[in-house]
Amino acid sequence: QVQLVESGGGLVQAGGSLRLSCAASGRTISNYAMGWFRQAPGKEREFVGYINRSAGDTYYADSVKGRFTISRDNAKKTVYLQMNSLKPEDTAVYYCAGNYAPSVVAGEYNFWGQGTQVTVSS
């Protein structure tokens, strides 16, 4: 079993940057693709991006492509979400999740963190 804990969220002005971390405990995450999702108040959980097991492949939602970058350090059992050029519409709770195969569908992920709040002010 893998437990995930996100950190690094906070309040930032539009145009700023944040780096979120997703630290795993328990089993290694090297066997899993890792995804990032976000959920704004009153909205459904939204796919942000994923990274495959070996970190050789990433895929992003159009809304964040070119601004967000996912990376991972399997030795540290940590996945990162670097967010640049942040916009007020990026405000949401951000979650990391793990699955055997990469997917854009939240329901296909087997385990989740508790989320971290990101607020972007205009």
N, C-alpha and C. Protein backbone atom coordinates (compact mmCIF):
# COMPACT_ATOMS: atom_id res chain seq x y z
N GLN A 1 0.84 -1.19 0.00
CA GLN A 1 0.00 0.00 0.00
C GLN A 1 0.88 1.25 0.00
N VAL A 2 0.43 2.26 -0.70
CA VAL A 2 1.19 3.51 -0.81
C VAL A 2 0.34 4.64 -0.25
N GLN A 3 0.96 5.45 0.60
CA GLN A 3 0.32 6.66 1.08
C GLN A 3 1.01 7.86 0.44
N LEU A 4 0.20 8.83 0.04
CA LEU A 4 0.72 10.02 -0.63
C LEU A 4 0.40 11.27 0.18
N VAL A 5 1.36 12.18 0.26
CA VAL A 5 1.16 13.44 0.95
C VAL A 5 1.66 14.57 0.07
N GLU A 6 0.76 15.46 -0.31
CA GLU A 6 1.13 16.61 -1.11
C GLU A 6 1.55 17.77 -0.20
N SER A 7 2.43 18.60 -0.71
CA SER A 7 2.84 19.80 -0.01
C SER A 7 3.28 20.84 -1.02
N GLY A 8 3.47 22.06 -0.55
CA GLY A 8 3.97 23.12 -1.41
C GLY A 8 2.93 24.09 -1.90
N GLY A 9 1.68 23.85 -1.56
CA GLY A 9 0.64 24.77 -1.97
C GLY A 9 0.72 26.08 -1.20
N GLY A 10 -0.06 27.05 -1.64
CA GLY A 10 -0.07 28.33 -0.96
C GLY A 10 -0.73 29.39 -1.81
N LEU A 11 -0.50 30.63 -1.41
CA LEU A 11 -1.05 31.79 -2.10
C LEU A 11 0.05 32.45 -2.92
N VAL A 12 -0.24 32.69 -4.18
CA VAL A 12 0.74 33.30 -5.08
C VAL A 12 0.02 34.28 -6.00
N GLN A 13 0.73 35.30 -6.42
CA GLN A 13 0.15 36.25 -7.35
C GLN A 13 0.17 35.68 -8.77
N ALA A 14 -0.73 36.16 -9.58
CA ALA A 14 -0.76 35.75 -10.98
C ALA A 14 0.60 36.02 -11.62
N GLY A 15 1.03 35.06 -12.43
CA GLY A 15 2.35 35.14 -13.04
C GLY A 15 3.45 34.49 -12.24
N GLY A 16 3.15 34.15 -11.01
CA GLY A 16 4.14 33.53 -10.14
C GLY A 16 4.26 32.04 -10.35
N SER A 17 5.08 31.43 -9.50
CA SER A 17 5.36 30.00 -9.61
C SER A 17 5.23 29.31 -8.26
N LEU A 18 4.91 28.04 -8.32
CA LEU A 18 4.92 27.17 -7.15
C LEU A 18 5.40 25.80 -7.59
N ARG A 19 6.01 25.09 -6.66
CA ARG A 19 6.35 23.70 -6.92
C ARG A 19 5.68 22.83 -5.85
N LEU A 20 4.83 21.96 -6.31
CA LEU A 20 4.17 21.01 -5.43
C LEU A 20 4.98 19.72 -5.37
N SER A 21 4.97 19.13 -4.20
CA SER A 21 5.62 17.83 -4.02
C SER A 21 4.57 16.81 -3.59
N CYS A 22 4.80 15.59 -3.97
CA CYS A 22 3.95 14.48 -3.59
C CYS A 22 4.88 13.38 -3.08
N ALA A 23 4.92 13.24 -1.77
CA ALA A 23 5.82 12.28 -1.15
C ALA A 23 5.08 11.00 -0.80
N ALA A 24 5.68 9.88 -1.16
CA ALA A 24 5.06 8.59 -0.91
C ALA A 24 5.72 7.89 0.26
N SER A 25 4.93 7.17 1.00
CA SER A 25 5.45 6.29 2.04
C SER A 25 4.85 4.91 1.83
N GLY A 26 5.48 3.93 2.43
CA GLY A 26 5.02 2.57 2.20
C GLY A 26 5.77 1.98 1.02
N ARG A 27 5.08 1.40 0.10
CA ARG A 27 5.72 0.78 -1.05
C ARG A 27 6.31 1.82 -2.00
N THR A 28 7.26 1.38 -2.81
CA THR A 28 7.87 2.27 -3.78
C THR A 28 6.85 2.70 -4.82
N ILE A 29 7.05 3.89 -5.38
CA ILE A 29 6.16 4.37 -6.43
C ILE A 29 6.73 4.09 -7.82
N SER A 30 7.89 3.45 -7.88
CA SER A 30 8.54 3.25 -9.17
C SER A 30 7.73 2.33 -10.08
N ASN A 31 6.79 1.58 -9.51
CA ASN A 31 5.95 0.69 -10.32
C ASN A 31 4.70 1.37 -10.84
N TYR A 32 4.54 2.64 -10.53
CA TYR A 32 3.28 3.33 -10.83
C TYR A 32 3.49 4.56 -11.69
N ALA A 33 2.55 4.76 -12.59
CA ALA A 33 2.42 6.07 -13.20
C ALA A 33 1.78 7.00 -12.17
N MET A 34 2.16 8.27 -12.22
CA MET A 34 1.66 9.22 -11.24
C MET A 34 0.97 10.37 -11.95
N GLY A 35 -0.19 10.71 -11.46
CA GLY A 35 -0.96 11.79 -12.05
C GLY A 35 -1.19 12.93 -11.08
N TRP A 36 -1.44 14.09 -11.64
CA TRP A 36 -1.87 15.24 -10.86
C TRP A 36 -3.26 15.65 -11.36
N PHE A 37 -4.11 15.95 -10.41
CA PHE A 37 -5.46 16.42 -10.69
C PHE A 37 -5.72 17.65 -9.84
N ARG A 38 -6.75 18.38 -10.17
CA ARG A 38 -7.12 19.53 -9.35
C ARG A 38 -8.64 19.65 -9.32
N GLN A 39 -9.10 20.28 -8.25
CA GLN A 39 -10.54 20.48 -8.10
C GLN A 39 -10.80 21.86 -7.51
N ALA A 40 -11.51 22.66 -8.27
CA ALA A 40 -11.90 23.99 -7.83
C ALA A 40 -13.28 23.89 -7.17
N PRO A 41 -13.62 24.84 -6.30
CA PRO A 41 -14.92 24.80 -5.62
C PRO A 41 -16.07 24.73 -6.63
N GLY A 42 -16.96 23.79 -6.40
CA GLY A 42 -18.13 23.65 -7.26
C GLY A 42 -17.88 23.00 -8.60
N LYS A 43 -16.65 22.53 -8.81
CA LYS A 43 -16.32 21.90 -10.09
C LYS A 43 -15.86 20.46 -9.88
N GLU A 44 -15.89 19.70 -10.95
CA GLU A 44 -15.43 18.32 -10.89
C GLU A 44 -13.90 18.28 -10.87
N ARG A 45 -13.39 17.15 -10.39
CA ARG A 45 -11.95 16.97 -10.39
C ARG A 45 -11.45 16.93 -11.84
N GLU A 46 -10.37 17.64 -12.08
CA GLU A 46 -9.87 17.86 -13.45
C GLU A 46 -8.46 17.31 -13.60
N PHE A 47 -8.22 16.63 -14.70
CA PHE A 47 -6.89 16.11 -15.00
C PHE A 47 -5.92 17.27 -15.27
N VAL A 48 -4.74 17.20 -14.70
CA VAL A 48 -3.69 18.18 -14.94
C VAL A 48 -2.58 17.58 -15.80
N GLY A 49 -2.08 16.43 -15.39
CA GLY A 49 -1.01 15.78 -16.14
C GLY A 49 -0.59 14.49 -15.49
N TYR A 50 0.19 13.70 -16.21
CA TYR A 50 0.74 12.50 -15.62
C TYR A 50 2.17 12.27 -16.11
N ILE A 51 2.84 11.41 -15.37
CA ILE A 51 4.19 11.00 -15.74
C ILE A 51 4.25 9.48 -15.63
N ASN A 52 4.89 8.83 -16.59
CA ASN A 52 4.91 7.37 -16.55
C ASN A 52 5.95 6.89 -15.55
N ARG A 53 6.05 5.57 -15.43
CA ARG A 53 6.87 4.98 -14.37
C ARG A 53 8.32 5.40 -14.44
N SER A 54 8.83 5.44 -15.65
CA SER A 54 10.27 5.69 -15.82
C SER A 54 10.58 7.17 -16.01
N ALA A 55 9.55 8.00 -15.95
CA ALA A 55 9.71 9.45 -16.16
C ALA A 55 10.11 9.77 -17.59
N GLY A 56 9.95 8.80 -18.49
CA GLY A 56 10.29 9.05 -19.88
C GLY A 56 9.17 9.69 -20.68
N ASP A 57 8.01 9.76 -20.10
CA ASP A 57 6.85 10.27 -20.85
C ASP A 57 5.96 11.06 -19.92
N THR A 58 5.56 12.23 -20.36
CA THR A 58 4.60 13.05 -19.63
C THR A 58 3.51 13.50 -20.58
N TYR A 59 2.38 13.84 -19.99
CA TYR A 59 1.24 14.29 -20.79
C TYR A 59 0.47 15.30 -19.96
N TYR A 60 0.02 16.39 -20.59
CA TYR A 60 -0.61 17.47 -19.85
C TYR A 60 -1.95 17.86 -20.48
N ALA A 61 -2.81 18.38 -19.63
CA ALA A 61 -4.03 18.99 -20.12
C ALA A 61 -3.67 20.25 -20.91
N ASP A 62 -4.47 20.56 -21.90
CA ASP A 62 -4.21 21.74 -22.72
C ASP A 62 -4.14 23.01 -21.89
N SER A 63 -4.91 23.06 -20.81
CA SER A 63 -4.99 24.27 -20.00
C SER A 63 -3.70 24.58 -19.27
N VAL A 64 -2.82 23.58 -19.12
CA VAL A 64 -1.57 23.81 -18.38
C VAL A 64 -0.33 23.55 -19.23
N LYS A 65 -0.53 23.05 -20.42
CA LYS A 65 0.61 22.70 -21.28
C LYS A 65 1.49 23.92 -21.53
N GLY A 66 2.78 23.73 -21.36
CA GLY A 66 3.73 24.82 -21.54
C GLY A 66 3.97 25.63 -20.29
N ARG A 67 3.14 25.45 -19.28
CA ARG A 67 3.30 26.18 -18.01
C ARG A 67 3.66 25.24 -16.86
N PHE A 68 3.13 24.04 -16.88
CA PHE A 68 3.34 23.08 -15.79
C PHE A 68 4.27 21.97 -16.27
N THR A 69 5.08 21.46 -15.33
CA THR A 69 5.98 20.36 -15.63
C THR A 69 5.96 19.36 -14.49
N ILE A 70 5.77 18.09 -14.85
CA ILE A 70 5.79 17.02 -13.86
C ILE A 70 7.12 16.29 -13.95
N SER A 71 7.68 16.00 -12.80
CA SER A 71 8.90 15.20 -12.74
C SER A 71 8.80 14.25 -11.56
N ARG A 72 9.71 13.32 -11.50
CA ARG A 72 9.68 12.38 -10.39
C ARG A 72 11.09 11.93 -10.05
N ASP A 73 11.26 11.59 -8.79
CA ASP A 73 12.51 11.03 -8.30
C ASP A 73 12.14 9.75 -7.57
N ASN A 74 12.25 8.64 -8.26
CA ASN A 74 11.81 7.37 -7.68
C ASN A 74 12.62 6.99 -6.45
N ALA A 75 13.90 7.36 -6.43
CA ALA A 75 14.72 7.05 -5.27
C ALA A 75 14.22 7.77 -4.02
N LYS A 76 13.71 8.97 -4.21
CA LYS A 76 13.15 9.74 -3.09
C LYS A 76 11.67 9.50 -2.91
N LYS A 77 11.09 8.69 -3.80
CA LYS A 77 9.66 8.40 -3.75
C LYS A 77 8.84 9.68 -3.75
N THR A 78 9.21 10.58 -4.63
CA THR A 78 8.56 11.88 -4.69
C THR A 78 8.28 12.28 -6.13
N VAL A 79 7.12 12.86 -6.33
CA VAL A 79 6.72 13.40 -7.62
C VAL A 79 6.52 14.90 -7.45
N TYR A 80 6.85 15.65 -8.48
CA TYR A 80 6.79 17.10 -8.41
C TYR A 80 5.88 17.66 -9.50
N LEU A 81 5.28 18.79 -9.18
CA LEU A 81 4.52 19.55 -10.17
C LEU A 81 5.02 20.99 -10.10
N GLN A 82 5.81 21.36 -11.09
CA GLN A 82 6.30 22.73 -11.19
C GLN A 82 5.28 23.53 -11.97
N MET A 83 4.80 24.60 -11.35
CA MET A 83 3.74 25.42 -11.97
C MET A 83 4.29 26.83 -12.16
N ASN A 84 4.37 27.24 -13.40
CA ASN A 84 4.84 28.58 -13.74
C ASN A 84 3.73 29.38 -14.40
N SER A 85 3.92 30.68 -14.46
CA SER A 85 2.95 31.57 -15.11
C SER A 85 1.53 31.28 -14.62
N LEU A 86 1.39 31.21 -13.32
CA LEU A 86 0.10 30.84 -12.74
C LEU A 86 -0.96 31.89 -13.02
N LYS A 87 -2.18 31.39 -13.18
CA LYS A 87 -3.33 32.23 -13.47
C LYS A 87 -4.38 32.05 -12.37
N PRO A 88 -5.25 33.03 -12.18
CA PRO A 88 -6.31 32.86 -11.16
C PRO A 88 -7.14 31.60 -11.40
N GLU A 89 -7.32 31.21 -12.63
CA GLU A 89 -8.11 30.01 -12.92
C GLU A 89 -7.39 28.71 -12.56
N ASP A 90 -6.13 28.80 -12.15
CA ASP A 90 -5.42 27.62 -11.64
C ASP A 90 -5.73 27.37 -10.16
N THR A 91 -6.48 28.26 -9.54
CA THR A 91 -6.84 28.10 -8.13
C THR A 91 -7.66 26.84 -7.95
N ALA A 92 -7.20 25.97 -7.06
CA ALA A 92 -7.86 24.68 -6.83
C ALA A 92 -7.10 23.93 -5.74
N VAL A 93 -7.69 22.85 -5.30
CA VAL A 93 -6.97 21.87 -4.50
C VAL A 93 -6.31 20.90 -5.47
N TYR A 94 -5.03 20.69 -5.30
CA TYR A 94 -4.26 19.83 -6.20
C TYR A 94 -3.98 18.50 -5.51
N TYR A 95 -4.22 17.42 -6.26
CA TYR A 95 -4.05 16.08 -5.76
C TYR A 95 -3.07 15.30 -6.63
N CYS A 96 -2.27 14.47 -5.99
CA CYS A 96 -1.50 13.50 -6.76
C CYS A 96 -2.14 12.12 -6.56
N ALA A 97 -1.90 11.25 -7.52
CA ALA A 97 -2.51 9.93 -7.49
C ALA A 97 -1.63 8.95 -8.24
N GLY A 98 -1.78 7.67 -7.92
CA GLY A 98 -0.97 6.64 -8.55
C GLY A 98 -1.82 5.56 -9.19
N ASN A 99 -1.29 5.00 -10.27
CA ASN A 99 -1.98 3.95 -11.00
C ASN A 99 -0.94 3.13 -11.75
N TYR A 100 -1.27 1.88 -12.04
CA TYR A 100 -0.32 1.06 -12.78
C TYR A 100 -0.06 1.58 -14.18
N ALA A 101 -1.08 2.19 -14.78
CA ALA A 101 -0.91 2.73 -16.13
C ALA A 101 -1.30 4.20 -16.13
N PRO A 102 -0.65 5.03 -16.93
CA PRO A 102 -1.02 6.43 -17.00
C PRO A 102 -2.43 6.60 -17.56
N SER A 103 -3.13 7.56 -17.04
CA SER A 103 -4.51 7.78 -17.46
C SER A 103 -4.90 9.22 -17.20
N VAL A 104 -5.84 9.71 -17.98
CA VAL A 104 -6.40 11.05 -17.75
C VAL A 104 -7.68 10.96 -16.92
N VAL A 105 -8.10 9.77 -16.59
CA VAL A 105 -9.35 9.53 -15.88
C VAL A 105 -9.09 9.34 -14.40
N ALA A 106 -9.66 10.19 -13.58
CA ALA A 106 -9.43 10.13 -12.14
C ALA A 106 -9.86 8.79 -11.55
N GLY A 107 -10.96 8.27 -12.03
CA GLY A 107 -11.49 7.02 -11.48
C GLY A 107 -10.59 5.81 -11.68
N GLU A 108 -9.60 5.92 -12.54
CA GLU A 108 -8.72 4.78 -12.79
C GLU A 108 -7.51 4.76 -11.86
N TYR A 109 -7.35 5.77 -11.04
CA TYR A 109 -6.22 5.82 -10.12
C TYR A 109 -6.55 5.09 -8.83
N ASN A 110 -5.56 4.37 -8.33
CA ASN A 110 -5.80 3.48 -7.20
C ASN A 110 -5.60 4.14 -5.84
N PHE A 111 -4.72 5.10 -5.76
CA PHE A 111 -4.49 5.73 -4.46
C PHE A 111 -4.21 7.22 -4.67
N TRP A 112 -4.61 7.99 -3.64
CA TRP A 112 -4.61 9.44 -3.72
C TRP A 112 -4.02 10.06 -2.47
N GLY A 113 -3.49 11.27 -2.65
CA GLY A 113 -3.13 12.09 -1.51
C GLY A 113 -4.33 12.88 -1.02
N GLN A 114 -4.11 13.68 0.01
CA GLN A 114 -5.21 14.43 0.62
C GLN A 114 -5.41 15.79 -0.03
N GLY A 115 -4.46 16.21 -0.85
CA GLY A 115 -4.58 17.46 -1.57
C GLY A 115 -3.88 18.62 -0.89
N THR A 116 -3.52 19.62 -1.69
CA THR A 116 -2.92 20.84 -1.18
C THR A 116 -3.53 22.02 -1.93
N GLN A 117 -3.86 23.07 -1.19
CA GLN A 117 -4.56 24.21 -1.77
C GLN A 117 -3.58 25.15 -2.49
N VAL A 118 -3.95 25.51 -3.70
CA VAL A 118 -3.22 26.53 -4.46
C VAL A 118 -4.19 27.66 -4.76
N THR A 119 -3.82 28.86 -4.37
CA THR A 119 -4.65 30.02 -4.62
C THR A 119 -3.83 31.06 -5.37
N VAL A 120 -4.35 31.48 -6.52
CA VAL A 120 -3.65 32.46 -7.35
C VAL A 120 -4.47 33.74 -7.35
N SER A 121 -3.89 34.81 -6.87
CA SER A 121 -4.59 36.08 -6.81
C SER A 121 -4.30 36.91 -8.05
N SER A 122 -5.27 37.70 -8.44
CA SER A 122 -5.12 38.51 -9.65
C SER A 122 -4.52 39.87 -9.33
